[in-house]
Protein backbone atom coordinates (compact mmCIF):
# COMPACT_ATOMS: atom_id res chain seq x y z
CA MET A 1 111.80 118.69 85.06
CA ALA A 2 112.11 122.54 85.23
CA GLY A 3 114.69 123.96 87.34
CA ARG A 4 115.85 120.77 88.79
CA GLN A 5 118.98 118.80 87.92
CA ARG A 6 118.99 115.21 89.10
CA THR A 7 121.51 112.64 88.43
CA LEU A 8 120.46 109.07 88.28
CA GLN A 9 122.66 106.27 89.45
CA GLY A 10 125.79 108.14 88.57
CA GLY A 11 125.51 107.45 84.91
CA ARG A 12 122.86 109.92 83.56
CA ARG A 13 123.55 113.49 82.24
CA ASP A 14 122.11 116.24 84.41
CA GLY A 15 118.97 116.98 83.40
CA GLY A 16 118.60 113.64 81.54
CA GLN A 17 115.67 111.58 82.02
CA PRO A 18 116.10 108.06 83.34
CA VAL A 19 113.54 105.23 82.44
CA ASP A 20 111.51 103.06 84.87
CA GLY A 21 110.90 100.89 82.08
CA GLY A 22 109.23 103.69 80.01
CA ARG A 23 109.03 104.26 76.50
CA ALA A 24 109.29 107.48 74.66
CA GLY A 25 105.93 108.61 74.09
CA THR A 26 106.88 110.41 70.83
CA ARG A 27 109.25 107.78 69.05
CA ARG A 28 108.33 105.00 66.72
CA ALA A 29 108.57 101.86 66.50
CA ALA A 30 109.44 99.55 64.10
CA GLY A 31 106.66 98.48 61.56
CA GLY A 32 105.51 101.85 61.55
CA ARG A 33 103.65 101.49 64.70
CA THR A 34 103.88 104.62 67.34
CA ALA A 35 105.08 103.82 71.25
CA SER A 36 101.49 104.50 72.19
CA GLY A 37 101.04 101.00 69.82
CA ARG A 38 98.64 103.06 67.27
CA THR A 39 99.15 102.59 63.64
CA ALA A 40 100.71 106.01 62.30
CA GLY A 41 97.70 107.75 61.56
CA SER A 42 94.88 106.73 63.65
CA ALA A 43 92.47 109.11 64.83
CA ALA A 44 93.12 111.74 67.40
CA GLY A 45 91.59 110.93 71.07
CA ASP A 46 91.24 107.26 69.74
CA ASP A 47 92.37 105.54 73.13
CA ARG A 48 92.05 102.17 71.23
CA PRO A 49 95.10 99.98 70.23
CA ALA A 50 95.44 99.15 67.01
CA PRO A 51 94.04 96.23 65.24
CA SER A 52 97.04 93.77 65.49
CA GLN A 53 97.92 94.81 68.96
CA ALA A 54 94.34 93.85 70.04
CA ALA A 55 94.70 90.70 68.32
CA ALA A 56 97.59 89.89 70.60
CA ALA A 57 96.41 90.84 73.72
CA PRO A 58 93.77 89.79 76.10
CA LEU A 59 90.41 91.93 75.62
CA ARG A 60 90.79 92.87 79.40
CA HIS A 61 94.09 94.35 78.62
CA VAL A 62 93.16 96.26 75.89
CA ILE A 63 90.22 97.87 77.33
CA ARG A 64 92.36 98.21 80.40
CA GLN A 65 95.56 100.40 78.60
CA ALA A 66 92.88 102.40 76.77
CA LEU A 67 91.04 103.79 79.86
CA LEU A 68 94.62 104.23 81.46
CA ALA A 69 95.39 106.17 78.41
CA GLY A 70 91.91 108.26 78.73
CA ILE A 71 92.49 108.92 82.36
CA LEU A 72 96.38 110.40 82.13
CA ALA A 73 94.86 112.76 78.92
CA GLY A 74 92.03 114.33 81.02
CA ARG A 75 89.62 112.42 78.60
CA TYR A 76 87.91 110.86 81.80
CA ALA A 77 88.47 113.53 84.50
CA PRO A 78 89.06 112.91 88.16
CA GLY A 79 86.08 111.95 89.74
CA GLN A 80 83.99 111.04 86.86
CA ARG A 81 81.95 107.77 86.79
CA LEU A 82 83.25 105.03 84.35
CA LEU A 83 80.34 103.92 82.77
CA GLU A 84 80.43 99.73 82.22
CA MET A 85 78.00 99.29 79.64
CA ARG A 86 78.95 102.37 77.50
CA ILE A 87 82.85 101.25 77.61
CA ALA A 88 81.49 97.72 76.72
CA ALA A 89 79.76 98.77 73.74
CA GLU A 90 82.76 100.84 72.76
CA PHE A 91 84.95 97.49 72.30
CA ASP A 92 82.07 95.54 71.24
CA THR A 93 82.08 93.13 74.07
CA SER A 94 80.40 91.72 77.08
CA GLN A 95 80.72 93.48 80.46
CA GLY A 96 82.96 90.87 81.45
CA PRO A 97 86.57 91.83 80.32
CA VAL A 98 85.18 95.54 81.28
CA ARG A 99 85.02 94.48 84.82
CA GLU A 100 88.04 92.95 84.73
CA ALA A 101 90.08 96.16 83.05
CA PHE A 102 88.51 98.18 86.01
CA ARG A 103 89.27 95.66 89.14
CA GLU A 104 92.87 95.92 87.69
CA LEU A 105 92.68 99.80 87.51
CA GLU A 106 91.43 99.64 90.93
CA ALA A 107 94.32 97.69 92.26
CA THR A 108 96.48 100.83 91.05
CA GLY A 109 94.28 103.16 93.02
CA LEU A 110 93.63 104.81 89.99
CA VAL A 111 90.24 104.24 90.00
CA ALA A 112 87.72 103.45 92.57
CA ASN A 113 84.67 101.10 93.03
CA LEU A 114 82.06 102.80 95.24
CA PRO A 115 79.20 100.11 96.42
CA ARG A 116 75.67 100.50 94.45
CA ARG A 117 77.56 103.62 92.51
CA GLY A 118 79.61 102.32 90.15
CA THR A 119 83.35 103.01 89.10
CA TYR A 120 84.99 106.23 89.33
CA VAL A 121 88.32 107.94 88.35
CA ALA A 122 90.33 108.64 91.26
CA ALA A 123 90.07 112.04 92.78
CA ASP A 124 94.01 112.34 92.97
CA VAL A 125 95.76 110.36 89.94
CA ALA A 126 98.89 112.09 89.99
CA GLU A 127 99.40 111.65 93.70
CA ARG A 128 98.43 107.98 93.31
CA ILE A 129 101.42 107.57 90.74
CA ARG A 130 103.69 109.38 93.06
CA GLU A 131 102.84 106.72 95.80
CA ILE A 132 103.33 104.02 93.59
CA TYR A 133 107.02 104.92 92.87
CA ALA A 134 107.82 105.57 96.39
CA VAL A 135 106.56 102.11 97.28
CA ARG A 136 108.02 100.74 94.70
CA GLY A 137 111.51 102.28 95.15
CA ALA A 138 111.51 100.75 98.47
CA LEU A 139 110.70 97.02 97.53
CA GLU A 140 113.42 97.21 94.63
CA GLU A 141 115.92 98.56 97.16
CA ALA A 142 115.49 95.29 99.57
CA ALA A 143 115.49 93.14 96.51
CA THR A 144 118.73 94.16 94.91
CA ARG A 145 120.24 94.24 98.09
CA LEU A 146 119.38 90.47 98.59
CA ALA A 147 119.75 89.69 94.81
CA THR A 148 123.42 90.82 95.00
CA ARG A 149 124.65 88.77 98.21
CA ARG A 150 122.71 85.94 96.37
CA ARG A 151 123.94 86.27 92.88
CA ASN A 152 127.53 86.46 94.16
CA GLY A 153 128.63 88.41 90.98
CA ASP A 154 126.66 86.17 88.39
CA VAL A 155 124.34 89.10 86.32
CA ALA A 156 124.85 87.50 82.95
CA ASP A 157 120.81 87.45 82.67
CA LEU A 158 120.75 91.08 83.83
CA GLN A 159 123.26 92.34 81.55
CA ALA A 160 121.95 90.19 78.40
CA HIS A 161 118.51 92.37 79.52
CA VAL A 162 120.59 95.88 79.54
CA ASP A 163 122.01 94.76 75.98
CA ALA A 164 118.61 93.82 74.71
CA MET A 165 117.54 97.58 75.80
CA THR A 166 120.33 98.95 74.16
CA ALA A 167 120.00 97.25 70.90
CA ALA A 168 116.12 98.34 71.12
CA ALA A 169 117.12 101.56 71.76
CA ARG A 170 119.29 101.48 69.02
CA VAL A 171 116.66 100.96 66.49
CA GLY A 172 113.79 102.82 68.23
CA ASP A 173 111.91 99.48 69.09
CA THR A 174 110.16 100.94 72.19
CA ASP A 175 107.93 97.83 72.38
CA ARG A 176 110.86 95.73 73.02
CA LEU A 177 112.75 98.24 75.22
CA CYS A 178 109.93 98.17 77.60
CA ASP A 179 109.57 94.69 77.56
CA GLU A 180 113.15 94.06 78.56
CA SER A 181 112.85 96.60 81.25
CA VAL A 182 110.55 95.00 83.26
CA ALA A 183 112.17 91.61 82.62
CA PHE A 184 115.41 93.20 83.92
CA HIS A 185 113.66 94.30 87.34
CA ARG A 186 111.60 91.14 87.61
CA ALA A 187 114.82 89.07 87.45
CA VAL A 188 116.02 91.32 90.42
CA LEU A 189 113.09 90.64 92.44
CA VAL A 190 113.06 86.80 91.56
CA SER A 191 116.67 86.07 92.29
CA ALA A 192 115.85 88.23 95.82
CA GLY A 193 114.50 84.90 97.09
CA ASN A 194 111.87 86.75 99.04
CA GLN A 195 108.59 85.67 97.85
CA LEU A 196 106.39 88.34 99.71
CA LEU A 197 108.78 91.32 97.71
CA LEU A 198 108.03 89.59 94.78
CA THR A 199 104.16 89.27 95.47
CA ILE A 200 103.74 92.43 96.50
CA TRP A 201 106.15 93.76 93.52
CA THR A 202 104.11 92.15 91.00
CA SER A 203 100.81 93.51 92.65
CA LEU A 204 102.09 97.27 91.28
CA ALA A 205 100.79 96.30 88.02
CA ILE A 206 104.49 96.96 86.77
CA GLU A 207 103.19 96.95 83.43
CA MET A 208 101.26 99.58 83.86
CA ARG A 209 103.36 101.43 85.90
CA THR A 210 105.68 101.52 82.34
CA THR A 211 102.81 103.14 80.31
CA ILE A 212 102.61 106.20 82.69
CA THR A 213 106.26 106.55 82.63
CA LEU A 214 105.32 106.63 78.96
CA LEU A 215 102.53 108.79 78.87
CA THR A 216 103.86 111.00 81.13
CA GLU A 217 107.66 111.72 79.99
CA THR A 218 109.40 111.85 76.73
CA LEU A 219 112.64 109.58 77.21
CA ASP A 220 115.86 109.04 75.64
CA LEU A 221 115.73 105.85 74.59
CA ALA A 222 119.92 105.50 74.69
CA GLU A 223 119.81 106.81 78.02
CA ALA A 224 116.76 104.44 79.12
CA ALA A 225 118.36 101.62 78.50
CA ALA A 226 121.93 103.12 79.85
CA SER A 227 120.25 103.90 83.14
CA HIS A 228 119.92 100.10 84.17
CA GLN A 229 123.76 99.96 83.61
CA PRO A 230 125.25 100.75 87.26
CA ILE A 231 123.13 98.72 89.13
CA VAL A 232 124.45 95.47 86.90
CA ASP A 233 128.07 96.67 87.67
CA ALA A 234 127.36 97.21 91.22
CA MET A 235 125.55 93.73 91.42
CA ALA A 236 128.30 92.19 89.93
CA SER A 237 131.02 93.63 92.16
CA GLY A 238 129.23 92.41 94.90
CA GLU A 239 128.59 95.91 96.14
CA ALA A 240 124.90 95.27 97.74
CA GLU A 241 124.66 98.24 99.25
CA ARG A 242 125.64 100.61 96.30
CA ALA A 243 123.44 98.56 93.83
CA ALA A 244 120.24 98.89 96.52
CA GLU A 245 121.22 102.43 96.57
CA LEU A 246 120.94 102.68 92.70
CA ALA A 247 117.81 100.85 92.71
CA ARG A 248 116.67 103.28 94.75
CA VAL A 249 117.51 106.03 93.23
CA HIS A 250 116.28 104.53 89.78
CA GLN A 251 112.69 104.93 91.28
CA ASP A 252 112.88 107.60 93.24
CA PHE A 253 113.20 110.11 90.28
CA PHE A 254 109.86 109.42 89.04
CA GLU A 255 108.54 110.08 92.64
CA THR A 256 109.87 113.88 92.18
CA LEU A 257 108.60 114.04 88.70
CA PRO A 258 105.14 116.44 88.00
CA VAL A 259 102.57 114.11 86.69
CA PRO A 260 100.53 116.38 83.98
CA VAL A 261 97.37 114.82 83.75
CA GLY A 262 95.14 115.97 81.50
CA GLU A 263 97.58 117.37 79.56
CA ILE A 264 98.79 114.68 77.50
CA SER A 265 97.60 113.58 74.05
CA ARG A 266 99.60 110.30 73.63
CA ALA A 267 97.65 106.84 73.97
CA ALA A 268 98.61 103.79 75.80
CA GLU A 269 100.80 101.01 74.42
């Protein structure tokens, strides 16, 4: 971030970039596939995931990720209508999976459904993304405080996720790094023992936020993994307030980042 130097969780270098379950958009994962989920050599501007990915994921997820990539890359402009039939034809499917993808995107605020008019890209995508980080930060601060008190220093599962992230970073496996980070944060929320917090957190579509982080920032994979360690250390020592503060800072960083909508050429996972 130009002109700013931030310290994340007391363990990040000045000017470094933490990760919110994010993936380095310019790095290549194992198997010759980019972090975007496209095979190397995919046509520029084609947001559809690689065939192997499409086979592994529900079609609505594949469509949702392609639309998300297009929105963040500026191929779908703010205020532009998303044509259900055209998108269905592009993916050689019925309109059902497209409607499901629209609903999931609508829940994030990135698109809006207008009665009798259709589905449109939000006019203020960047602001919607920043709002999400602010809300998530508050939720994870509260959840981490509760989880620290309930765990009584037992953080073996969280440490395992951090270790797995570190191993993934070492071999450039961005997919696994992302999955482990999402699992880490979910484990904290679950152990907080507050169903309402977990329900609201889940409604934020955390995996999609992870993709947004991938698309808007180039992250160092080792720092991405290491940025979670201070939270684990504070929880292990029973420092509930310290752990809660670190969890909040982990999200606050992203709230202040510029979101270069329309300038991103990488595709979604």
